C-alpha atoms as a PDB file:
ATOM      1  CA  MET A   1      -1.646 -50.621 -41.259  1.00  0.00           C
ATOM      2  CA  LYS A   2      -1.738 -49.454 -37.658  1.00  0.00           C
ATOM      3  CA  LYS A   3      -2.825 -45.933 -38.655  1.00  0.00           C
ATOM      4  CA  SER A   4      -5.576 -47.327 -40.870  1.00  0.00           C
ATOM      5  CA  PHE A   5      -6.901 -49.423 -37.984  1.00  0.00           C
ATOM      6  CA  ILE A   6      -6.981 -46.405 -35.652  1.00  0.00           C
ATOM      7  CA  LEU A   7      -8.809 -44.321 -38.268  1.00  0.00           C
ATOM      8  CA  LEU A   8     -11.341 -47.102 -38.748  1.00  0.00           C
ATOM      9  CA  ILE A   9     -12.051 -47.251 -34.996  1.00  0.00           C
ATOM     10  CA  ALA A  10     -12.380 -43.437 -34.880  1.00  0.00           C
ATOM     11  CA  LEU A  11     -14.901 -43.483 -37.715  1.00  0.00           C
ATOM     12  CA  ILE A  12     -16.981 -46.153 -35.975  1.00  0.00           C
ATOM     13  CA  VAL A  13     -16.988 -44.159 -32.716  1.00  0.00           C
ATOM     14  CA  PHE A  14     -17.971 -40.842 -34.271  1.00  0.00           C
ATOM     15  CA  LEU A  15     -20.313 -42.003 -37.055  1.00  0.00           C
ATOM     16  CA  LEU A  16     -22.393 -44.442 -34.992  1.00  0.00           C
ATOM     17  CA  PRO A  17     -23.471 -42.358 -31.943  1.00  0.00           C
ATOM     18  CA  GLY A  18     -26.425 -44.578 -31.198  1.00  0.00           C
ATOM     19  CA  CYS A  19     -24.181 -47.594 -30.648  1.00  0.00           C
ATOM     20  CA  SER A  20     -21.054 -46.073 -29.170  1.00  0.00           C
ATOM     21  CA  PRO A  21     -19.682 -43.669 -26.562  1.00  0.00           C
ATOM     22  CA  SER A  22     -19.651 -39.952 -27.384  1.00  0.00           C
ATOM     23  CA  PHE A  23     -16.365 -38.129 -27.093  1.00  0.00           C
ATOM     24  CA  ASN A  24     -15.675 -34.429 -26.730  1.00  0.00           C
ATOM     25  CA  LEU A  25     -12.214 -33.021 -26.642  1.00  0.00           C
ATOM     26  CA  PHE A  26     -12.380 -30.474 -23.824  1.00  0.00           C
ATOM     27  CA  LYS A  27     -13.280 -31.148 -20.233  1.00  0.00           C
ATOM     28  CA  ASP A  28     -14.364 -28.459 -17.788  1.00  0.00           C
ATOM     29  CA  ALA A  29     -15.079 -30.585 -14.688  1.00  0.00           C
ATOM     30  CA  SER A  30     -11.965 -29.280 -12.941  1.00  0.00           C
ATOM     31  CA  ASP A  31     -13.111 -25.669 -13.320  1.00  0.00           C
ATOM     32  CA  PRO A  32     -14.894 -24.000 -10.390  1.00  0.00           C
ATOM     33  CA  LEU A  33     -18.645 -23.563 -10.379  1.00  0.00           C
ATOM     34  CA  LYS A  34     -19.660 -20.056 -11.440  1.00  0.00           C
ATOM     35  CA  GLU A  35     -22.993 -18.292 -11.399  1.00  0.00           C
ATOM     36  CA  HIS A  36     -24.768 -17.760 -14.715  1.00  0.00           C
ATOM     37  CA  ALA A  37     -28.089 -15.947 -15.115  1.00  0.00           C
ATOM     38  CA  VAL A  38     -30.719 -17.797 -17.135  1.00  0.00           C
ATOM     39  CA  SER A  39     -33.436 -15.142 -16.980  1.00  0.00           C
ATOM     40  CA  GLY A  40     -34.664 -12.106 -15.072  1.00  0.00           C
ATOM     41  CA  GLU A  41     -32.939  -9.114 -13.558  1.00  0.00           C
ATOM     42  CA  GLY A  42     -32.342  -7.314 -10.287  1.00  0.00           C
ATOM     43  CA  LYS A  43     -30.590  -8.329  -7.084  1.00  0.00           C
ATOM     44  CA  ASP A  44     -32.833 -11.135  -5.813  1.00  0.00           C
ATOM     45  CA  LYS A  45     -32.212 -14.623  -7.199  1.00  0.00           C
ATOM     46  CA  VAL A  46     -33.755 -18.059  -7.484  1.00  0.00           C
ATOM     47  CA  LEU A  47     -31.119 -20.766  -7.821  1.00  0.00           C
ATOM     48  CA  MET A  48     -31.864 -23.772 -10.021  1.00  0.00           C
ATOM     49  CA  ILE A  49     -30.084 -27.025  -9.102  1.00  0.00           C
ATOM     50  CA  THR A  50     -30.390 -30.157 -11.251  1.00  0.00           C
ATOM     51  CA  VAL A  51     -30.258 -33.659  -9.809  1.00  0.00           C
ATOM     52  CA  ALA A  52     -30.115 -36.088 -12.727  1.00  0.00           C
ATOM     53  CA  GLY A  53     -29.298 -39.769 -12.939  1.00  0.00           C
ATOM     54  CA  VAL A  54     -28.617 -42.344 -10.257  1.00  0.00           C
ATOM     55  CA  ILE A  55     -27.872 -40.712  -6.883  1.00  0.00           C
ATOM     56  CA  SER A  56     -24.444 -41.690  -5.598  1.00  0.00           C
ATOM     57  CA  ASP A  57     -21.643 -40.304  -3.443  1.00  0.00           C
ATOM     58  CA  THR A  58     -19.035 -41.954  -5.672  1.00  0.00           C
ATOM     59  CA  PRO A  59     -17.357 -39.919  -8.458  1.00  0.00           C
ATOM     60  CA  SER A  60     -17.920 -41.267 -11.961  1.00  0.00           C
ATOM     61  CA  ASN A  61     -14.761 -42.266 -13.792  1.00  0.00           C
ATOM     62  CA  GLU A  62     -14.548 -41.566 -17.501  1.00  0.00           C
ATOM     63  CA  LEU A  63     -11.864 -42.337 -20.045  1.00  0.00           C
ATOM     64  CA  PHE A  64      -9.576 -39.390 -19.328  1.00  0.00           C
ATOM     65  CA  SER A  65     -11.049 -37.896 -16.164  1.00  0.00           C
ATOM     66  CA  SER A  66     -13.496 -38.270 -13.298  1.00  0.00           C
ATOM     67  CA  LYS A  67     -16.617 -36.268 -12.540  1.00  0.00           C
ATOM     68  CA  PRO A  68     -17.912 -35.193  -9.117  1.00  0.00           C
ATOM     69  CA  SER A  69     -20.556 -37.410  -7.583  1.00  0.00           C
ATOM     70  CA  VAL A  70     -24.177 -36.312  -7.477  1.00  0.00           C
ATOM     71  CA  VAL A  71     -23.854 -35.694  -3.736  1.00  0.00           C
ATOM     72  CA  GLN A  72     -20.663 -33.647  -4.097  1.00  0.00           C
ATOM     73  CA  GLU A  73     -22.089 -31.470  -6.871  1.00  0.00           C
ATOM     74  CA  VAL A  74     -25.419 -30.780  -5.164  1.00  0.00           C
ATOM     75  CA  VAL A  75     -23.889 -30.047  -1.753  1.00  0.00           C
ATOM     76  CA  SER A  76     -21.320 -27.716  -3.349  1.00  0.00           C
ATOM     77  CA  GLN A  77     -24.145 -25.719  -4.902  1.00  0.00           C
ATOM     78  CA  LEU A  78     -26.105 -25.594  -1.658  1.00  0.00           C
ATOM     79  CA  ARG A  79     -22.992 -24.254   0.108  1.00  0.00           C
ATOM     80  CA  MET A  80     -22.612 -21.508  -2.501  1.00  0.00           C
ATOM     81  CA  ALA A  81     -26.292 -20.568  -2.150  1.00  0.00           C
ATOM     82  CA  GLU A  82     -25.922 -20.522   1.632  1.00  0.00           C
ATOM     83  CA  GLU A  83     -23.200 -17.862   1.356  1.00  0.00           C
ATOM     84  CA  ASP A  84     -25.117 -15.665  -1.099  1.00  0.00           C
ATOM     85  CA  ASP A  85     -27.709 -13.511   0.657  1.00  0.00           C
ATOM     86  CA  ALA A  86     -29.212 -12.578  -2.716  1.00  0.00           C
ATOM     87  CA  VAL A  87     -30.357 -16.182  -3.270  1.00  0.00           C
ATOM     88  CA  LYS A  88     -33.819 -16.192  -1.732  1.00  0.00           C
ATOM     89  CA  ALA A  89     -35.085 -19.546  -2.986  1.00  0.00           C
ATOM     90  CA  VAL A  90     -33.732 -22.772  -4.446  1.00  0.00           C
ATOM     91  CA  VAL A  91     -35.557 -24.858  -7.039  1.00  0.00           C
ATOM     92  CA  ILE A  92     -34.207 -28.410  -7.278  1.00  0.00           C
ATOM     93  CA  LYS A  93     -35.097 -30.036 -10.586  1.00  0.00           C
ATOM     94  CA  VAL A  94     -35.158 -33.797  -9.969  1.00  0.00           C
ATOM     95  CA  ASP A  95     -34.874 -36.359 -12.757  1.00  0.00           C
ATOM     96  CA  SER A  96     -33.686 -39.477 -10.960  1.00  0.00           C
ATOM     97  CA  PRO A  97     -34.852 -43.039 -10.262  1.00  0.00           C
ATOM     98  CA  GLY A  98     -33.046 -42.834  -6.917  1.00  0.00           C
ATOM     99  CA  GLY A  99     -29.751 -44.343  -5.858  1.00  0.00           C
ATOM    100  CA  THR A 100     -27.930 -45.747  -2.868  1.00  0.00           C
ATOM    101  CA  ALA A 101     -29.691 -45.504   0.473  1.00  0.00           C
ATOM    102  CA  THR A 102     -26.820 -43.533   1.988  1.00  0.00           C
ATOM    103  CA  ALA A 103     -26.431 -41.021  -0.858  1.00  0.00           C
ATOM    104  CA  SER A 104     -30.184 -40.366  -0.931  1.00  0.00           C
ATOM    105  CA  ASP A 105     -30.197 -39.864   2.837  1.00  0.00           C
ATOM    106  CA  ILE A 106     -27.231 -37.454   2.635  1.00  0.00           C
ATOM    107  CA  LEU A 107     -29.096 -35.235   0.166  1.00  0.00           C
ATOM    108  CA  TYR A 108     -32.229 -35.405   2.339  1.00  0.00           C
ATOM    109  CA  HIS A 109     -30.161 -34.289   5.343  1.00  0.00           C
ATOM    110  CA  GLU A 110     -28.295 -31.532   3.449  1.00  0.00           C
ATOM    111  CA  ILE A 111     -31.483 -30.023   2.025  1.00  0.00           C
ATOM    112  CA  LYS A 112     -33.137 -30.121   5.444  1.00  0.00           C
ATOM    113  CA  GLU A 113     -30.070 -28.509   7.083  1.00  0.00           C
ATOM    114  CA  PHE A 114     -29.882 -25.857   4.357  1.00  0.00           C
ATOM    115  CA  LYS A 115     -33.488 -24.855   4.993  1.00  0.00           C
ATOM    116  CA  GLU A 116     -33.083 -24.746   8.773  1.00  0.00           C
ATOM    117  CA  LYS A 117     -29.793 -22.860   8.658  1.00  0.00           C
ATOM    118  CA  THR A 118     -30.694 -20.231   6.052  1.00  0.00           C
ATOM    119  CA  GLY A 119     -34.471 -19.894   6.147  1.00  0.00           C
ATOM    120  CA  LYS A 120     -34.424 -19.870   2.329  1.00  0.00           C
ATOM    121  CA  LYS A 121     -37.332 -21.490   0.525  1.00  0.00           C
ATOM    122  CA  VAL A 122     -36.764 -24.799  -1.256  1.00  0.00           C
ATOM    123  CA  MET A 123     -38.971 -26.248  -3.974  1.00  0.00           C
ATOM    124  CA  CYS A 124     -38.464 -29.603  -5.696  1.00  0.00           C
ATOM    125  CA  VAL A 125     -39.758 -30.050  -9.235  1.00  0.00           C
ATOM    126  CA  PHE A 126     -40.082 -33.553 -10.653  1.00  0.00           C
ATOM    127  CA  MET A 127     -39.385 -34.102 -14.341  1.00  0.00           C
ATOM    128  CA  ASN A 128     -39.394 -37.529 -16.085  1.00  0.00           C
ATOM    129  CA  VAL A 129     -38.781 -39.668 -13.002  1.00  0.00           C
ATOM    130  CA  ALA A 130     -38.374 -38.730  -9.344  1.00  0.00           C
ATOM    131  CA  ALA A 131     -38.796 -42.097  -7.718  1.00  0.00           C
ATOM    132  CA  SER A 132     -37.482 -43.817  -4.596  1.00  0.00           C
ATOM    133  CA  GLY A 133     -34.301 -41.939  -3.569  1.00  0.00           C
ATOM    134  CA  GLY A 134     -35.274 -39.111  -5.929  1.00  0.00           C
ATOM    135  CA  TYR A 135     -38.454 -38.737  -3.896  1.00  0.00           C
ATOM    136  CA  TYR A 136     -36.742 -39.409  -0.551  1.00  0.00           C
ATOM    137  CA  MET A 137     -34.253 -36.529  -0.988  1.00  0.00           C
ATOM    138  CA  SER A 138     -37.103 -34.152  -1.927  1.00  0.00           C
ATOM    139  CA  LEU A 139     -39.155 -34.642   1.236  1.00  0.00           C
ATOM    140  CA  PRO A 140     -37.728 -31.658   3.190  1.00  0.00           C
ATOM    141  CA  ALA A 141     -38.760 -29.200   0.443  1.00  0.00           C
ATOM    142  CA  ASP A 142     -41.315 -26.521   1.287  1.00  0.00           C
ATOM    143  CA  ARG A 143     -43.234 -27.544  -1.811  1.00  0.00           C
ATOM    144  CA  ILE A 144     -43.080 -30.475  -4.235  1.00  0.00           C
ATOM    145  CA  VAL A 145     -44.301 -29.947  -7.795  1.00  0.00           C
ATOM    146  CA  ALA A 146     -44.440 -32.613 -10.501  1.00  0.00           C
ATOM    147  CA  HIS A 147     -44.540 -32.228 -14.272  1.00  0.00           C
ATOM    148  CA  PRO A 148     -47.827 -33.683 -15.631  1.00  0.00           C
ATOM    149  CA  THR A 149     -46.016 -36.733 -17.034  1.00  0.00           C
ATOM    150  CA  SER A 150     -43.715 -37.377 -14.062  1.00  0.00           C
ATOM    151  CA  ILE A 151     -43.366 -40.804 -12.449  1.00  0.00           C
ATOM    152  CA  THR A 152     -42.780 -40.851  -8.692  1.00  0.00           C
ATOM    153  CA  GLY A 153     -43.301 -43.037  -5.640  1.00  0.00           C
ATOM    154  CA  SER A 154     -41.411 -46.354  -5.344  1.00  0.00           C
ATOM    155  CA  VAL A 155     -41.128 -45.783  -1.597  1.00  0.00           C
ATOM    156  CA  GLY A 156     -39.083 -48.815  -0.724  1.00  0.00           C
ATOM    157  CA  VAL A 157     -35.726 -50.575  -0.706  1.00  0.00           C
ATOM    158  CA  ILE A 158     -34.044 -52.981  -3.075  1.00  0.00           C
ATOM    159  CA  MET A 159     -30.916 -55.008  -2.443  1.00  0.00           C
ATOM    160  CA  VAL A 160     -28.641 -55.719  -5.381  1.00  0.00           C
ATOM    161  CA  GLN A 161     -26.793 -59.017  -4.960  1.00  0.00           C
ATOM    162  CA  PRO A 162     -24.969 -60.800  -7.803  1.00  0.00           C
ATOM    163  CA  ALA A 163     -25.126 -64.597  -7.903  1.00  0.00           C
ATOM    164  CA  PHE A 164     -22.331 -66.626  -9.492  1.00  0.00           C
ATOM    165  CA  LYS A 165     -22.869 -70.058  -7.899  1.00  0.00           C
ATOM    166  CA  ASP A 166     -24.603 -71.741 -10.865  1.00  0.00           C
ATOM    167  CA  LEU A 167     -21.977 -70.456 -13.284  1.00  0.00           C
ATOM    168  CA  MET A 168     -19.139 -71.600 -11.017  1.00  0.00           C
ATOM    169  CA  ASP A 169     -20.745 -75.050 -10.704  1.00  0.00           C
ATOM    170  CA  LYS A 170     -20.889 -75.319 -14.499  1.00  0.00           C
ATOM    171  CA  VAL A 171     -17.214 -74.499 -14.992  1.00  0.00           C
ATOM    172  CA  GLY A 172     -16.077 -76.475 -11.948  1.00  0.00           C
ATOM    173  CA  VAL A 173     -14.724 -73.530  -9.957  1.00  0.00           C
ATOM    174  CA  GLY A 174     -15.186 -73.077  -6.234  1.00  0.00           C
ATOM    175  CA  MET A 175     -14.408 -70.520  -3.549  1.00  0.00           C
ATOM    176  CA  ARG A 176     -12.781 -71.401  -0.212  1.00  0.00           C
ATOM    177  CA  VAL A 177     -13.596 -68.957   2.608  1.00  0.00           C
ATOM    178  CA  SER A 178     -12.192 -68.854   6.142  1.00  0.00           C
ATOM    179  CA  LYS A 179     -14.290 -66.789   8.534  1.00  0.00           C
ATOM    180  CA  SER A 180     -14.587 -65.990  12.225  1.00  0.00           C
ATOM    181  CA  GLY A 181     -18.370 -66.240  12.443  1.00  0.00           C
ATOM    182  CA  ARG A 182     -21.062 -68.040  10.463  1.00  0.00           C
ATOM    183  CA  ASN A 183     -22.505 -64.783   9.085  1.00  0.00           C
ATOM    184  CA  LYS A 184     -19.197 -63.092   8.226  1.00  0.00           C
ATOM    185  CA  ASP A 185     -19.635 -63.696   4.471  1.00  0.00           C
ATOM    186  CA  MET A 186     -23.374 -63.106   4.485  1.00  0.00           C
ATOM    187  CA  GLY A 187     -24.480 -62.050   1.032  1.00  0.00           C
ATOM    188  CA  SER A 188     -21.672 -63.888  -0.748  1.00  0.00           C
ATOM    189  CA  PRO A 189     -22.391 -64.247  -4.490  1.00  0.00           C
ATOM    190  CA  PHE A 190     -20.496 -67.559  -4.550  1.00  0.00           C
ATOM    191  CA  ARG A 191     -23.015 -69.670  -2.622  1.00  0.00           C
ATOM    192  CA  ASP A 192     -26.711 -69.872  -1.811  1.00  0.00           C
ATOM    193  CA  PRO A 193     -27.804 -67.944   1.296  1.00  0.00           C
ATOM    194  CA  THR A 194     -28.892 -69.789   4.410  1.00  0.00           C
ATOM    195  CA  ASP A 195     -32.373 -69.306   5.862  1.00  0.00           C
ATOM    196  CA  GLU A 196     -30.829 -67.279   8.667  1.00  0.00           C
ATOM    197  CA  GLU A 197     -29.033 -64.998   6.204  1.00  0.00           C
ATOM    198  CA  VAL A 198     -32.231 -64.424   4.236  1.00  0.00           C
ATOM    199  CA  ARG A 199     -33.997 -63.456   7.452  1.00  0.00           C
ATOM    200  CA  LEU A 200     -31.196 -61.101   8.519  1.00  0.00           C
ATOM    201  CA  LEU A 201     -30.949 -59.391   5.124  1.00  0.00           C
ATOM    202  CA  ASN A 202     -34.710 -58.950   4.982  1.00  0.00           C
ATOM    203  CA  GLY A 203     -34.486 -57.361   8.421  1.00  0.00           C
ATOM    204  CA  VAL A 204     -32.039 -54.764   7.117  1.00  0.00           C
ATOM    205  CA  ILE A 205     -34.253 -54.091   4.104  1.00  0.00           C
ATOM    206  CA  ASN A 206     -37.304 -53.646   6.334  1.00  0.00           C
ATOM    207  CA  ASP A 207     -35.426 -51.286   8.680  1.00  0.00           C
ATOM    208  CA  LEU A 208     -34.323 -49.082   5.773  1.00  0.00           C
ATOM    209  CA  ALA A 209     -37.832 -49.164   4.310  1.00  0.00           C
ATOM    210  CA  GLU A 210     -39.316 -48.062   7.642  1.00  0.00           C
ATOM    211  CA  GLN A 211     -36.888 -45.134   7.753  1.00  0.00           C
ATOM    212  CA  PHE A 212     -38.126 -44.078   4.304  1.00  0.00           C
ATOM    213  CA  VAL A 213     -41.788 -44.453   5.276  1.00  0.00           C
ATOM    214  CA  GLY A 214     -41.092 -42.606   8.534  1.00  0.00           C
ATOM    215  CA  HIS A 215     -39.787 -39.580   6.615  1.00  0.00           C
ATOM    216  CA  VAL A 216     -42.879 -39.678   4.402  1.00  0.00           C
ATOM    217  CA  LYS A 217     -45.030 -39.608   7.567  1.00  0.00           C
ATOM    218  CA  ASP A 218     -43.013 -36.683   8.950  1.00  0.00           C
ATOM    219  CA  HIS A 219     -43.206 -34.509   5.842  1.00  0.00           C
ATOM    220  CA  ARG A 220     -46.441 -35.475   4.078  1.00  0.00           C
ATOM    221  CA  ASN A 221     -49.910 -35.537   5.602  1.00  0.00           C
ATOM    222  CA  LEU A 222     -51.054 -38.851   4.152  1.00  0.00           C
ATOM    223  CA  THR A 223     -54.178 -40.689   5.211  1.00  0.00           C
ATOM    224  CA  PRO A 224     -53.675 -44.205   6.622  1.00  0.00           C
ATOM    225  CA  GLU A 225     -55.177 -45.625   3.429  1.00  0.00           C
ATOM    226  CA  ALA A 226     -52.810 -43.614   1.221  1.00  0.00           C
ATOM    227  CA  LEU A 227     -49.831 -44.607   3.342  1.00  0.00           C
ATOM    228  CA  GLU A 228     -50.678 -48.292   2.972  1.00  0.00           C
ATOM    229  CA  GLU A 229     -50.774 -47.915  -0.805  1.00  0.00           C
ATOM    230  CA  VAL A 230     -47.472 -46.050  -0.775  1.00  0.00           C
ATOM    231  CA  ARG A 231     -45.912 -48.824   1.350  1.00  0.00           C
ATOM    232  CA  THR A 232     -46.308 -51.257  -1.539  1.00  0.00           C
ATOM    233  CA  ALA A 233     -43.401 -49.382  -3.202  1.00  0.00           C
ATOM    234  CA  ARG A 234     -45.347 -49.001  -6.449  1.00  0.00           C
ATOM    235  CA  ILE A 235     -44.861 -46.048  -8.769  1.00  0.00           C
ATOM    236  CA  PHE A 236     -47.468 -43.349  -9.456  1.00  0.00           C
ATOM    237  CA  VAL A 237     -48.206 -40.876 -12.219  1.00  0.00           C
ATOM    238  CA  ALA A 238     -48.282 -37.239 -11.123  1.00  0.00           C
ATOM    239  CA  SER A 239     -52.075 -36.990 -10.840  1.00  0.00           C
ATOM    240  CA  LYS A 240     -52.272 -40.063  -8.594  1.00  0.00           C
ATOM    241  CA  ALA A 241     -49.337 -38.820  -6.487  1.00  0.00           C
ATOM    242  CA  LEU A 242     -51.242 -35.562  -5.976  1.00  0.00           C
ATOM    243  CA  GLU A 243     -54.392 -37.448  -4.992  1.00  0.00           C
ATOM    244  CA  LEU A 244     -52.438 -39.454  -2.398  1.00  0.00           C
ATOM    245  CA  GLY A 245     -50.657 -36.387  -1.017  1.00  0.00           C
ATOM    246  CA  LEU A 246     -47.133 -37.309  -2.113  1.00  0.00           C
ATOM    247  CA  ILE A 247     -46.829 -33.994  -3.982  1.00  0.00           C
ATOM    248  CA  ASP A 248     -48.407 -30.549  -3.681  1.00  0.00           C
ATOM    249  CA  GLU A 249     -49.123 -29.663  -7.296  1.00  0.00           C
ATOM    250  CA  VAL A 250     -48.965 -30.759 -10.926  1.00  0.00           C
ATOM    251  CA  ALA A 251     -47.456 -27.988 -13.031  1.00  0.00           C
ATOM    252  CA  TYR A 252     -44.807 -27.101 -15.588  1.00  0.00           C
ATOM    253  CA  LEU A 253     -41.330 -25.939 -14.643  1.00  0.00           C
ATOM    254  CA  PRO A 254     -41.752 -22.216 -15.476  1.00  0.00           C
ATOM    255  CA  GLN A 255     -44.922 -22.086 -13.366  1.00  0.00           C
ATOM    256  CA  ALA A 256     -43.078 -23.753 -10.470  1.00  0.00           C
ATOM    257  CA  ILE A 257     -40.281 -21.179 -10.687  1.00  0.00           C
ATOM    258  CA  ASP A 258     -42.820 -18.349 -10.552  1.00  0.00           C
ATOM    259  CA  GLU A 259     -44.353 -19.925  -7.462  1.00  0.00           C
ATOM    260  CA  ALA A 260     -40.919 -20.203  -5.853  1.00  0.00           C
ATOM    261  CA  LYS A 261     -40.527 -16.434  -6.310  1.00  0.00           C
ATOM    262  CA  GLU A 262     -43.909 -15.938  -4.641  1.00  0.00           C
ATOM    263  CA  MET A 263     -42.882 -18.189  -1.745  1.00  0.00           C
ATOM    264  CA  ALA A 264     -39.708 -16.135  -1.294  1.00  0.00           C
ATOM    265  CA  GLU A 265     -41.661 -12.860  -1.644  1.00  0.00           C
ATOM    266  CA  ILE A 266     -39.418 -11.471  -4.378  1.00  0.00           C
ATOM    267  CA  PRO A 267     -40.392  -9.717  -7.648  1.00  0.00           C
ATOM    268  CA  GLU A 268     -41.749 -11.751 -10.565  1.00  0.00           C
ATOM    269  CA  ASP A 269     -38.853 -10.691 -12.791  1.00  0.00           C
ATOM    270  CA  SER A 270     -36.160 -11.696 -10.295  1.00  0.00           C
ATOM    271  CA  LYS A 271     -33.135 -13.542 -11.659  1.00  0.00           C
ATOM    272  CA  VAL A 272     -33.072 -17.276 -12.169  1.00  0.00           C
ATOM    273  CA  VAL A 273     -29.465 -18.427 -11.887  1.00  0.00           C
ATOM    274  CA  VAL A 274     -27.531 -21.662 -12.217  1.00  0.00           C
ATOM    275  CA  TYR A 275     -24.070 -22.692 -11.107  1.00  0.00           C
ATOM    276  CA  ARG A 276     -22.148 -24.132 -14.044  1.00  0.00           C
ATOM    277  CA  ARG A 277     -18.504 -24.750 -14.849  1.00  0.00           C
ATOM    278  CA  SER A 278     -18.779 -23.019 -18.218  1.00  0.00           C
ATOM    279  CA  LYS A 279     -21.120 -20.565 -19.894  1.00  0.00           C
ATOM    280  CA  ILE A 280     -23.617 -22.014 -22.364  1.00  0.00           C
ATOM    281  CA  ALA A 281     -25.160 -20.045 -25.196  1.00  0.00           C
ATOM    282  CA  ASN A 282     -28.955 -19.648 -25.203  1.00  0.00           C
ATOM    283  CA  ASP A 283     -29.181 -21.231 -21.753  1.00  0.00           C
ATOM    284  CA  THR A 284     -32.559 -22.179 -20.276  1.00  0.00           C
ATOM    285  CA  VAL A 285     -33.888 -23.749 -17.100  1.00  0.00           C
ATOM    286  CA  TYR A 286     -34.302 -27.045 -18.963  1.00  0.00           C
ATOM    287  CA  ASN A 287     -30.579 -27.371 -19.631  1.00  0.00           C
ATOM    288  CA  ILE A 288     -28.809 -29.983 -17.500  1.00  0.00           C
ATOM    289  CA  ALA A 289     -25.339 -29.358 -18.952  1.00  0.00           C
ATOM    290  CA  GLY A 290     -22.858 -28.577 -16.231  1.00  0.00           C
ATOM    291  CA  SER A 291     -24.727 -30.727 -13.739  1.00  0.00           C
ATOM    292  CA  GLN A 292     -23.321 -33.920 -12.293  1.00  0.00           C
ATOM    293  CA  SER A 293     -25.123 -36.086 -14.812  1.00  0.00           C
ATOM    294  CA  SER A 294     -23.600 -37.555 -17.944  1.00  0.00           C
ATOM    295  CA  VAL A 295     -24.500 -35.160 -20.743  1.00  0.00           C
ATOM    296  CA  LYS A 296     -23.035 -34.341 -24.099  1.00  0.00           C
ATOM    297  CA  GLY A 297     -20.598 -31.501 -23.752  1.00  0.00           C
ATOM    298  CA  ALA A 298     -18.080 -33.144 -21.462  1.00  0.00           C
ATOM    299  CA  LEU A 299     -14.653 -34.174 -22.670  1.00  0.00           C
ATOM    300  CA  VAL A 300     -15.429 -37.865 -22.589  1.00  0.00           C
ATOM    301  CA  ASN A 301     -19.059 -38.842 -22.195  1.00  0.00           C
ATOM    302  CA  VAL A 302     -19.339 -42.614 -22.211  1.00  0.00           C
ATOM    303  CA  ASN A 303     -23.083 -43.285 -22.148  1.00  0.00           C
ATOM    304  CA  PHE A 304     -23.122 -47.059 -21.864  1.00  0.00           C
ATOM    305  CA  PRO A 305     -26.431 -48.599 -20.766  1.00  0.00           C
ATOM    306  CA  THR A 306     -26.738 -49.245 -17.055  1.00  0.00           C
ATOM    307  CA  GLY A 307     -28.542 -52.021 -15.232  1.00  0.00           C
ATOM    308  CA  TYR A 308     -28.341 -54.312 -12.227  1.00  0.00           C
ATOM    309  CA  SER A 309     -24.916 -55.581 -13.311  1.00  0.00           C
ATOM    310  CA  ASP A 310     -23.509 -52.038 -13.155  1.00  0.00           C
ATOM    311  CA  LEU A 311     -24.601 -51.469  -9.560  1.00  0.00           C
ATOM    312  CA  PRO A 312     -22.288 -52.464  -6.711  1.00  0.00           C
ATOM    313  CA  MET A 313     -23.776 -54.831  -4.169  1.00  0.00           C
ATOM    314  CA  GLY A 314     -25.697 -52.898  -1.553  1.00  0.00           C
ATOM    315  CA  PHE A 315     -29.009 -51.402  -0.462  1.00  0.00           C
ATOM    316  CA  TYR A 316     -30.738 -48.882  -2.701  1.00  0.00           C
ATOM    317  CA  TYR A 317     -33.634 -46.458  -2.581  1.00  0.00           C
ATOM    318  CA  LEU A 318     -33.962 -47.049  -6.311  1.00  0.00           C
ATOM    319  CA  TRP A 319     -36.687 -47.744  -8.853  1.00  0.00           C
ATOM    320  CA  ALA A 320     -34.465 -50.292 -10.569  1.00  0.00           C
ATOM    321  CA  PRO A 321     -36.232 -50.578 -13.971  1.00  0.00           C
ATOM    322  CA  ALA A 322     -35.515 -46.894 -14.655  1.00  0.00           C
ATOM    323  CA  ALA A 323     -31.806 -47.440 -14.039  1.00  0.00           C
ATOM    324  CA  GLN A 324     -31.495 -50.054 -16.780  1.00  0.00           C
END
């Protein structure tokens, strides 16, 4: 009976992929990153780095293993490119609604430092979504290119704060808190915030938003009118982002890679390489396997839907609807 039950569960898991986690039996996340050529020839190289999914500096835990965080994986690849003199340019393919304020700022800082330290050219290419933290981290790039159907913008901050008070009132459960100052448990999900707490939290949100807007001012030559529209934290299609000055060009990925080679002053047929943990047959620049994102091909790939309830309490440079 027990064996029959296990077989039934296995059949449900493997035969209903649209409703269940996907499982693969071999994990390569513990293997070192290795260089793999995607196209081209010769000594000079363009490195392609993929940033996909919610930006975080926390490793993702799966059923039998953990995967490096987005920050860890991207910084590791930048370090490898820094040590390879043959890498003349880096193209960062961004498909992210953003993430935590700190993780987004770390990637911004690391890309900026990489450019200043090495003198190598950096281009960011936006795919489906490169909003909020996905845009924030891209600001130091020498050039920002967006796919014609990309969504970007969302220059702002959101605070995720669960609220359990109404539920606790219904079931007759309370929470006793002893604290040293009246604001020590500010943001508690177990009670309504005071007017003072609302004001203080909004102050933090505004400070983080101004830091974001300040970086936009530093890196993009926006008119005052365009900056005011961007401040609303709305999203933009690629053509509107180009009109406002948030990006430099609307183009497809292969065209952007060719332009990166021109920026680096290397031959048109120079190598395009990726750093992956395993070799993939018929590899292309569109492949995100081996990146930090959850993709089929890992040992255990549990692709449950994400939303506000999956995000820890905190401050995010995140276009939240795209994370649900």
